[in-house]
Amino acid sequence: SPSPSTAMQREDARAARRDGASEELLAKAAELERRLVGWKKRVAESSDEVAMSAKRAEAAEGKKRKREEGTSRVIYIGHVPHGFYEDQMRAFFGQFGTVTKVRLSRSKKTGGSKGYAFVEFGDAEVARIAAAAMDSYLIGGKQLVCHVVPAEVAQRPALFDGRKRRPERGSRTKVDSRLATRENLLRAQRRKRAHLERLGIHYDLPVPKLRKLSASETAPAADADASAAAEKNKKKKKMARKKHA
């Protein structure tokens, strides 16, 4: 059996190894903590840089938008109520300054208002003042939405295309609508009569007396078709000339 001195030496050696391992673990833990602190610091710095970059980009975008709006003479008007049409807009916004163009967006089928419009003024400053004054303004039971249109959009020629087109009296759309109404009424009467007969009820429903459309009311429809065909042929010829050019 080993002597007491040898056992003590072995125990001291094991304690020394344990102490060395503990010191090594403590050193590794300290190194990991140092790295973690550095990583957190870099993440915070990166977040600050991203936030600053976003603020700078937002400020630059705001300056660009203000610069563009400063040169634009066109304002957008949303939530336009019925009854507030081109003539009313020109008279109303003429209080701010000279109005050069007005375009109320209308349906191609019915000619009815779509609820938004564009107004061009003679001066950019007048446009800015009008948009600021009329934004959230209550008119006709609706709250208007107004803002200055960016210059790049305001300069598009198509923005005011069709501003002179108005629905014609007796147009094809109106004639088709009247004919459809007559057919719907007659169809509804036939359905009611068939339903009553299935129930065993024999009752003669009065046939509605519908006024016959006059020639003056249906004639513009043919004129509208002819003008549409002429316009289509004109566009085809124009495209053909561009291809050969």
C-alpha atoms as a PDB file:
ATOM      1  CA  SER A   1       0.000   0.000   0.000  1.00  0.00           C
ATOM      2  CA  PRO A   2       1.261   3.545  -0.749  1.00  0.00           C
ATOM      3  CA  SER A   3       2.697   5.554   2.028  1.00  0.00           C
ATOM      4  CA  PRO A   4       0.794   8.503   3.492  1.00  0.00           C
ATOM      5  CA  SER A   5       3.152  10.978   1.863  1.00  0.00           C
ATOM      6  CA  THR A   6       2.598   9.477  -1.573  1.00  0.00           C
ATOM      7  CA  ALA A   7      -1.215   9.633  -1.148  1.00  0.00           C
ATOM      8  CA  MET A   8      -1.002  13.251  -0.120  1.00  0.00           C
ATOM      9  CA  GLN A   9       1.155  14.038  -3.162  1.00  0.00           C
ATOM     10  CA  ARG A  10      -1.397  12.392  -5.439  1.00  0.00           C
ATOM     11  CA  GLU A  11      -4.238  14.311  -3.786  1.00  0.00           C
ATOM     12  CA  ASP A  12      -2.324  17.567  -4.195  1.00  0.00           C
ATOM     13  CA  ALA A  13      -1.750  16.768  -7.885  1.00  0.00           C
ATOM     14  CA  ARG A  14      -5.462  16.099  -8.446  1.00  0.00           C
ATOM     15  CA  ALA A  15      -6.371  19.343  -6.647  1.00  0.00           C
ATOM     16  CA  ALA A  16      -3.853  21.229  -8.764  1.00  0.00           C
ATOM     17  CA  ARG A  17      -5.367  19.770 -11.949  1.00  0.00           C
ATOM     18  CA  ARG A  18      -8.858  20.722 -10.757  1.00  0.00           C
ATOM     19  CA  ASP A  19      -7.698  24.233 -10.002  1.00  0.00           C
ATOM     20  CA  GLY A  20      -6.065  24.485 -13.407  1.00  0.00           C
ATOM     21  CA  ALA A  21      -9.233  23.281 -15.142  1.00  0.00           C
ATOM     22  CA  SER A  22     -11.338  25.726 -13.155  1.00  0.00           C
ATOM     23  CA  GLU A  23      -9.028  28.599 -14.072  1.00  0.00           C
ATOM     24  CA  GLU A  24      -9.176  27.557 -17.735  1.00  0.00           C
ATOM     25  CA  LEU A  25     -12.984  27.453 -17.639  1.00  0.00           C
ATOM     26  CA  LEU A  26     -13.099  30.826 -15.943  1.00  0.00           C
ATOM     27  CA  ALA A  27     -10.772  32.249 -18.594  1.00  0.00           C
ATOM     28  CA  LYS A  28     -12.966  30.834 -21.398  1.00  0.00           C
ATOM     29  CA  ALA A  29     -16.107  32.222 -19.742  1.00  0.00           C
ATOM     30  CA  ALA A  30     -14.486  35.647 -19.435  1.00  0.00           C
ATOM     31  CA  GLU A  31     -13.463  35.501 -23.106  1.00  0.00           C
ATOM     32  CA  LEU A  32     -17.001  34.550 -24.180  1.00  0.00           C
ATOM     33  CA  GLU A  33     -18.468  37.346 -22.077  1.00  0.00           C
ATOM     34  CA  ARG A  34     -16.052  39.824 -23.642  1.00  0.00           C
ATOM     35  CA  ARG A  35     -17.015  38.660 -27.119  1.00  0.00           C
ATOM     36  CA  LEU A  36     -20.703  38.847 -26.246  1.00  0.00           C
ATOM     37  CA  VAL A  37     -20.335  42.436 -25.026  1.00  0.00           C
ATOM     38  CA  GLY A  38     -18.498  43.347 -28.225  1.00  0.00           C
ATOM     39  CA  TRP A  39     -21.142  41.648 -30.358  1.00  0.00           C
ATOM     40  CA  LYS A  40     -23.939  43.511 -28.551  1.00  0.00           C
ATOM     41  CA  LYS A  41     -22.074  46.764 -29.060  1.00  0.00           C
ATOM     42  CA  ARG A  42     -21.642  46.117 -32.780  1.00  0.00           C
ATOM     43  CA  VAL A  43     -25.333  45.212 -33.119  1.00  0.00           C
ATOM     44  CA  ALA A  44     -26.331  48.421 -31.360  1.00  0.00           C
ATOM     45  CA  GLU A  45     -24.017  50.454 -33.583  1.00  0.00           C
ATOM     46  CA  SER A  46     -25.403  48.726 -36.673  1.00  0.00           C
ATOM     47  CA  SER A  47     -28.973  49.428 -35.542  1.00  0.00           C
ATOM     48  CA  ASP A  48     -28.092  53.083 -34.998  1.00  0.00           C
ATOM     49  CA  GLU A  49     -26.519  53.237 -38.459  1.00  0.00           C
ATOM     50  CA  VAL A  50     -29.584  51.635 -40.040  1.00  0.00           C
ATOM     51  CA  ALA A  51     -31.887  54.046 -38.211  1.00  0.00           C
ATOM     52  CA  MET A  52     -29.750  57.016 -39.253  1.00  0.00           C
ATOM     53  CA  SER A  53     -29.686  55.779 -42.849  1.00  0.00           C
ATOM     54  CA  ALA A  54     -33.463  55.406 -42.830  1.00  0.00           C
ATOM     55  CA  LYS A  55     -33.867  58.914 -41.416  1.00  0.00           C
ATOM     56  CA  ARG A  56     -31.498  60.345 -44.014  1.00  0.00           C
ATOM     57  CA  ALA A  57     -33.342  58.509 -46.810  1.00  0.00           C
ATOM     58  CA  GLU A  58     -36.700  59.726 -45.502  1.00  0.00           C
ATOM     59  CA  ALA A  59     -35.432  63.288 -45.242  1.00  0.00           C
ATOM     60  CA  ALA A  60     -34.017  63.122 -48.775  1.00  0.00           C
ATOM     61  CA  GLU A  61     -37.310  61.717 -50.078  1.00  0.00           C
ATOM     62  CA  GLY A  62     -39.220  64.475 -48.283  1.00  0.00           C
ATOM     63  CA  LYS A  63     -36.977  67.148 -49.782  1.00  0.00           C
ATOM     64  CA  LYS A  64     -37.347  65.604 -53.223  1.00  0.00           C
ATOM     65  CA  ARG A  65     -41.142  65.438 -52.853  1.00  0.00           C
ATOM     66  CA  LYS A  66     -41.309  69.041 -51.684  1.00  0.00           C
ATOM     67  CA  ARG A  67     -39.070  70.101 -54.542  1.00  0.00           C
ATOM     68  CA  GLU A  68     -41.256  68.262 -57.061  1.00  0.00           C
ATOM     69  CA  GLU A  69     -44.453  69.575 -55.512  1.00  0.00           C
ATOM     70  CA  GLY A  70     -42.985  73.054 -55.542  1.00  0.00           C
ATOM     71  CA  THR A  71     -42.889  72.997 -59.349  1.00  0.00           C
ATOM     72  CA  SER A  72     -46.203  71.173 -59.861  1.00  0.00           C
ATOM     73  CA  ARG A  73     -49.336  73.167 -60.708  1.00  0.00           C
ATOM     74  CA  VAL A  74     -51.734  70.197 -60.533  1.00  0.00           C
ATOM     75  CA  ILE A  75     -53.681  69.003 -57.493  1.00  0.00           C
ATOM     76  CA  TYR A  76     -55.536  65.736 -56.962  1.00  0.00           C
ATOM     77  CA  ILE A  77     -59.056  65.808 -55.515  1.00  0.00           C
ATOM     78  CA  GLY A  78     -60.569  62.636 -54.084  1.00  0.00           C
ATOM     79  CA  HIS A  79     -63.993  61.773 -52.608  1.00  0.00           C
ATOM     80  CA  VAL A  80     -65.689  64.143 -55.053  1.00  0.00           C
ATOM     81  CA  PRO A  81     -69.455  64.221 -54.334  1.00  0.00           C
ATOM     82  CA  HIS A  82     -72.093  63.907 -57.041  1.00  0.00           C
ATOM     83  CA  GLY A  83     -73.148  67.271 -58.338  1.00  0.00           C
ATOM     84  CA  PHE A  84     -69.657  68.730 -57.976  1.00  0.00           C
ATOM     85  CA  TYR A  85     -68.647  68.498 -61.631  1.00  0.00           C
ATOM     86  CA  GLU A  86     -66.297  70.303 -64.031  1.00  0.00           C
ATOM     87  CA  ASP A  87     -68.108  73.633 -64.148  1.00  0.00           C
ATOM     88  CA  GLN A  88     -68.595  73.705 -60.379  1.00  0.00           C
ATOM     89  CA  MET A  89     -64.931  72.814 -59.784  1.00  0.00           C
ATOM     90  CA  ARG A  90     -63.690  75.503 -62.148  1.00  0.00           C
ATOM     91  CA  ALA A  91     -65.845  78.122 -60.419  1.00  0.00           C
ATOM     92  CA  PHE A  92     -65.021  76.940 -56.893  1.00  0.00           C
ATOM     93  CA  PHE A  93     -61.251  76.577 -57.272  1.00  0.00           C
ATOM     94  CA  GLY A  94     -61.140  79.758 -59.327  1.00  0.00           C
ATOM     95  CA  GLN A  95     -61.398  81.566 -55.999  1.00  0.00           C
ATOM     96  CA  PHE A  96     -57.771  80.608 -55.289  1.00  0.00           C
ATOM     97  CA  GLY A  97     -56.391  81.681 -58.657  1.00  0.00           C
ATOM     98  CA  THR A  98     -56.454  81.011 -62.382  1.00  0.00           C
ATOM     99  CA  VAL A  99     -57.624  77.489 -63.260  1.00  0.00           C
ATOM    100  CA  THR A 100     -56.217  76.310 -66.601  1.00  0.00           C
ATOM    101  CA  LYS A 101     -57.468  72.716 -66.770  1.00  0.00           C
ATOM    102  CA  VAL A 102     -60.043  70.543 -65.001  1.00  0.00           C
ATOM    103  CA  ARG A 103     -60.503  66.832 -65.473  1.00  0.00           C
ATOM    104  CA  LEU A 104     -63.165  64.846 -63.634  1.00  0.00           C
ATOM    105  CA  SER A 105     -62.643  61.126 -64.152  1.00  0.00           C
ATOM    106  CA  ARG A 106     -65.775  59.634 -65.690  1.00  0.00           C
ATOM    107  CA  SER A 107     -66.945  56.139 -66.597  1.00  0.00           C
ATOM    108  CA  LYS A 108     -66.571  55.325 -70.297  1.00  0.00           C
ATOM    109  CA  LYS A 109     -69.816  53.358 -70.235  1.00  0.00           C
ATOM    110  CA  THR A 110     -72.162  55.616 -68.299  1.00  0.00           C
ATOM    111  CA  GLY A 111     -70.353  58.948 -68.244  1.00  0.00           C
ATOM    112  CA  GLY A 112     -70.872  59.106 -64.476  1.00  0.00           C
ATOM    113  CA  SER A 113     -68.311  60.523 -62.077  1.00  0.00           C
ATOM    114  CA  LYS A 114     -65.733  58.132 -60.594  1.00  0.00           C
ATOM    115  CA  GLY A 115     -65.227  60.356 -57.564  1.00  0.00           C
ATOM    116  CA  TYR A 116     -61.822  61.902 -58.247  1.00  0.00           C
ATOM    117  CA  ALA A 117     -60.473  64.748 -60.346  1.00  0.00           C
ATOM    118  CA  PHE A 118     -57.388  66.781 -61.276  1.00  0.00           C
ATOM    119  CA  VAL A 119     -57.222  70.571 -61.369  1.00  0.00           C
ATOM    120  CA  GLU A 120     -54.366  72.552 -62.905  1.00  0.00           C
ATOM    121  CA  PHE A 121     -53.658  76.114 -61.790  1.00  0.00           C
ATOM    122  CA  GLY A 122     -51.670  78.820 -63.475  1.00  0.00           C
ATOM    123  CA  ASP A 123     -49.179  79.006 -60.579  1.00  0.00           C
ATOM    124  CA  ALA A 124     -47.516  76.311 -58.432  1.00  0.00           C
ATOM    125  CA  GLU A 125     -47.848  78.321 -55.219  1.00  0.00           C
ATOM    126  CA  VAL A 126     -51.594  78.702 -55.789  1.00  0.00           C
ATOM    127  CA  ALA A 127     -51.872  74.937 -56.282  1.00  0.00           C
ATOM    128  CA  ARG A 128     -50.046  74.283 -52.998  1.00  0.00           C
ATOM    129  CA  ILE A 129     -52.290  76.719 -51.091  1.00  0.00           C
ATOM    130  CA  ALA A 130     -55.474  75.289 -52.633  1.00  0.00           C
ATOM    131  CA  ALA A 131     -54.480  71.705 -51.798  1.00  0.00           C
ATOM    132  CA  ALA A 132     -53.641  72.613 -48.189  1.00  0.00           C
ATOM    133  CA  ALA A 133     -56.859  74.601 -47.752  1.00  0.00           C
ATOM    134  CA  MET A 134     -59.221  72.032 -49.309  1.00  0.00           C
ATOM    135  CA  ASP A 135     -57.748  68.856 -47.820  1.00  0.00           C
ATOM    136  CA  SER A 136     -60.320  67.305 -45.421  1.00  0.00           C
ATOM    137  CA  TYR A 137     -62.837  69.999 -46.454  1.00  0.00           C
ATOM    138  CA  LEU A 138     -66.455  68.825 -46.101  1.00  0.00           C
ATOM    139  CA  ILE A 139     -68.542  69.453 -49.200  1.00  0.00           C
ATOM    140  CA  GLY A 140     -71.693  67.725 -50.401  1.00  0.00           C
ATOM    141  CA  GLY A 141     -71.592  65.347 -47.447  1.00  0.00           C
ATOM    142  CA  LYS A 142     -68.103  64.078 -48.319  1.00  0.00           C
ATOM    143  CA  GLN A 143     -64.675  64.959 -46.963  1.00  0.00           C
ATOM    144  CA  LEU A 144     -62.355  65.893 -49.810  1.00  0.00           C
ATOM    145  CA  VAL A 145     -58.836  64.499 -50.102  1.00  0.00           C
ATOM    146  CA  CYS A 146     -56.486  66.996 -51.763  1.00  0.00           C
ATOM    147  CA  HIS A 147     -52.756  66.998 -52.368  1.00  0.00           C
ATOM    148  CA  VAL A 148     -50.299  68.339 -54.918  1.00  0.00           C
ATOM    149  CA  VAL A 149     -49.489  65.870 -57.696  1.00  0.00           C
ATOM    150  CA  PRO A 150     -45.731  65.223 -58.149  1.00  0.00           C
ATOM    151  CA  ALA A 151     -44.216  67.108 -61.074  1.00  0.00           C
ATOM    152  CA  GLU A 152     -43.281  63.945 -62.979  1.00  0.00           C
ATOM    153  CA  VAL A 153     -46.912  62.800 -62.879  1.00  0.00           C
ATOM    154  CA  ALA A 154     -48.352  66.247 -63.584  1.00  0.00           C
ATOM    155  CA  GLN A 155     -46.284  66.509 -66.762  1.00  0.00           C
ATOM    156  CA  ARG A 156     -47.816  63.409 -68.333  1.00  0.00           C
ATOM    157  CA  PRO A 157     -49.965  64.418 -71.336  1.00  0.00           C
ATOM    158  CA  ALA A 158     -52.461  61.622 -70.630  1.00  0.00           C
ATOM    159  CA  LEU A 159     -53.372  63.124 -67.256  1.00  0.00           C
ATOM    160  CA  PHE A 160     -55.851  65.546 -68.830  1.00  0.00           C
ATOM    161  CA  ASP A 161     -56.821  63.444 -71.850  1.00  0.00           C
ATOM    162  CA  GLY A 162     -60.566  63.204 -72.306  1.00  0.00           C
ATOM    163  CA  ARG A 163     -61.372  66.245 -70.187  1.00  0.00           C
ATOM    164  CA  LYS A 164     -63.562  67.627 -73.005  1.00  0.00           C
ATOM    165  CA  ARG A 165     -65.545  64.435 -73.507  1.00  0.00           C
ATOM    166  CA  ARG A 166     -69.049  64.516 -72.096  1.00  0.00           C
ATOM    167  CA  PRO A 167     -71.797  61.893 -72.358  1.00  0.00           C
ATOM    168  CA  GLU A 168     -74.006  62.697 -75.353  1.00  0.00           C
ATOM    169  CA  ARG A 169     -77.771  62.764 -75.159  1.00  0.00           C
ATOM    170  CA  GLY A 170     -79.135  59.537 -76.573  1.00  0.00           C
ATOM    171  CA  SER A 171     -75.701  57.891 -76.756  1.00  0.00           C
ATOM    172  CA  ARG A 172     -75.351  54.171 -77.376  1.00  0.00           C
ATOM    173  CA  THR A 173     -74.915  53.538 -73.650  1.00  0.00           C
ATOM    174  CA  LYS A 174     -78.134  55.332 -72.744  1.00  0.00           C
ATOM    175  CA  VAL A 175     -80.127  53.645 -75.525  1.00  0.00           C
ATOM    176  CA  ASP A 176     -78.845  50.213 -74.498  1.00  0.00           C
ATOM    177  CA  SER A 177     -79.721  51.016 -70.899  1.00  0.00           C
ATOM    178  CA  ARG A 178     -83.291  51.943 -71.817  1.00  0.00           C
ATOM    179  CA  LEU A 179     -83.733  48.834 -73.952  1.00  0.00           C
ATOM    180  CA  ALA A 180     -82.339  46.672 -71.150  1.00  0.00           C
ATOM    181  CA  THR A 181     -84.783  48.245 -68.702  1.00  0.00           C
ATOM    182  CA  ARG A 182     -87.737  47.436 -70.963  1.00  0.00           C
ATOM    183  CA  GLU A 183     -86.584  43.831 -71.371  1.00  0.00           C
ATOM    184  CA  ASN A 184     -86.036  43.439 -67.626  1.00  0.00           C
ATOM    185  CA  LEU A 185     -89.566  44.646 -66.866  1.00  0.00           C
ATOM    186  CA  LEU A 186     -91.142  42.271 -69.356  1.00  0.00           C
ATOM    187  CA  ARG A 187     -88.983  39.375 -68.141  1.00  0.00           C
ATOM    188  CA  ALA A 188     -89.989  40.041 -64.531  1.00  0.00           C
ATOM    189  CA  GLN A 189     -93.678  40.036 -65.482  1.00  0.00           C
ATOM    190  CA  ARG A 190     -93.282  36.704 -67.271  1.00  0.00           C
ATOM    191  CA  ARG A 191     -91.558  35.155 -64.233  1.00  0.00           C
ATOM    192  CA  LYS A 192     -94.326  36.352 -61.907  1.00  0.00           C
ATOM    193  CA  ARG A 193     -97.046  34.999 -64.188  1.00  0.00           C
ATOM    194  CA  ALA A 194     -95.326  31.581 -64.440  1.00  0.00           C
ATOM    195  CA  HIS A 195     -94.846  31.424 -60.660  1.00  0.00           C
ATOM    196  CA  LEU A 196     -98.533  32.167 -60.000  1.00  0.00           C
ATOM    197  CA  GLU A 197     -99.616  29.510 -62.510  1.00  0.00           C
ATOM    198  CA  ARG A 198     -97.452  26.912 -60.729  1.00  0.00           C
ATOM    199  CA  LEU A 199     -99.241  27.812 -57.482  1.00  0.00           C
ATOM    200  CA  GLY A 200    -102.611  27.342 -59.179  1.00  0.00           C
ATOM    201  CA  ILE A 201    -103.428  31.033 -59.130  1.00  0.00           C
ATOM    202  CA  HIS A 202    -104.850  32.333 -62.386  1.00  0.00           C
ATOM    203  CA  TYR A 203    -104.464  36.054 -62.351  1.00  0.00           C
ATOM    204  CA  ASP A 204    -103.796  38.297 -65.307  1.00  0.00           C
ATOM    205  CA  LEU A 205    -101.063  40.720 -64.368  1.00  0.00           C
ATOM    206  CA  PRO A 206    -101.301  44.077 -66.114  1.00  0.00           C
ATOM    207  CA  VAL A 207     -98.726  44.421 -68.850  1.00  0.00           C
ATOM    208  CA  PRO A 208     -96.704  47.599 -68.309  1.00  0.00           C
ATOM    209  CA  LYS A 209     -97.146  50.190 -71.010  1.00  0.00           C
ATOM    210  CA  LEU A 210     -93.665  51.227 -72.076  1.00  0.00           C
ATOM    211  CA  ARG A 211     -93.083  54.233 -74.259  1.00  0.00           C
ATOM    212  CA  LYS A 212     -91.540  53.377 -77.578  1.00  0.00           C
ATOM    213  CA  LEU A 213     -88.189  55.043 -78.206  1.00  0.00           C
ATOM    214  CA  SER A 214     -88.394  57.656 -80.910  1.00  0.00           C
ATOM    215  CA  ALA A 215     -86.090  57.841 -83.922  1.00  0.00           C
ATOM    216  CA  SER A 216     -84.447  60.979 -82.533  1.00  0.00           C
ATOM    217  CA  GLU A 217     -83.465  59.056 -79.396  1.00  0.00           C
ATOM    218  CA  THR A 218     -82.037  56.024 -81.174  1.00  0.00           C
ATOM    219  CA  ALA A 219     -80.380  57.897 -84.050  1.00  0.00           C
ATOM    220  CA  PRO A 220     -77.434  59.203 -82.001  1.00  0.00           C
ATOM    221  CA  ALA A 221     -76.519  55.617 -81.180  1.00  0.00           C
ATOM    222  CA  ALA A 222     -75.782  54.927 -84.839  1.00  0.00           C
ATOM    223  CA  ASP A 223     -73.821  58.179 -85.048  1.00  0.00           C
ATOM    224  CA  ALA A 224     -71.842  57.121 -81.987  1.00  0.00           C
ATOM    225  CA  ASP A 225     -71.019  53.761 -83.599  1.00  0.00           C
ATOM    226  CA  ALA A 226     -69.967  55.458 -86.825  1.00  0.00           C
ATOM    227  CA  SER A 227     -67.733  57.963 -85.028  1.00  0.00           C
ATOM    228  CA  ALA A 228     -66.183  55.165 -82.967  1.00  0.00           C
ATOM    229  CA  ALA A 229     -65.424  53.171 -86.130  1.00  0.00           C
ATOM    230  CA  ALA A 230     -63.911  56.250 -87.781  1.00  0.00           C
ATOM    231  CA  GLU A 231     -61.743  56.903 -84.744  1.00  0.00           C
ATOM    232  CA  LYS A 232     -60.576  53.273 -84.727  1.00  0.00           C
ATOM    233  CA  ASN A 233     -59.625  53.432 -88.425  1.00  0.00           C
ATOM    234  CA  LYS A 234     -57.790  56.695 -87.813  1.00  0.00           C
ATOM    235  CA  LYS A 235     -55.713  55.075 -85.055  1.00  0.00           C
ATOM    236  CA  LYS A 236     -54.907  52.093 -87.286  1.00  0.00           C
ATOM    237  CA  LYS A 237     -53.678  54.368 -90.082  1.00  0.00           C
ATOM    238  CA  LYS A 238     -51.569  56.356 -87.624  1.00  0.00           C
ATOM    239  CA  MET A 239     -49.938  53.172 -86.284  1.00  0.00           C
ATOM    240  CA  ALA A 240     -49.283  51.953 -89.836  1.00  0.00           C
ATOM    241  CA  ARG A 241     -47.539  55.231 -90.720  1.00  0.00           C
ATOM    242  CA  LYS A 242     -45.348  54.919 -87.595  1.00  0.00           C
ATOM    243  CA  LYS A 243     -44.312  51.382 -88.569  1.00  0.00           C
ATOM    244  CA  HIS A 244     -43.344  52.416 -92.115  1.00  0.00           C
ATOM    245  CA  ALA A 245     -41.520  55.540 -90.899  1.00  0.00           C
END
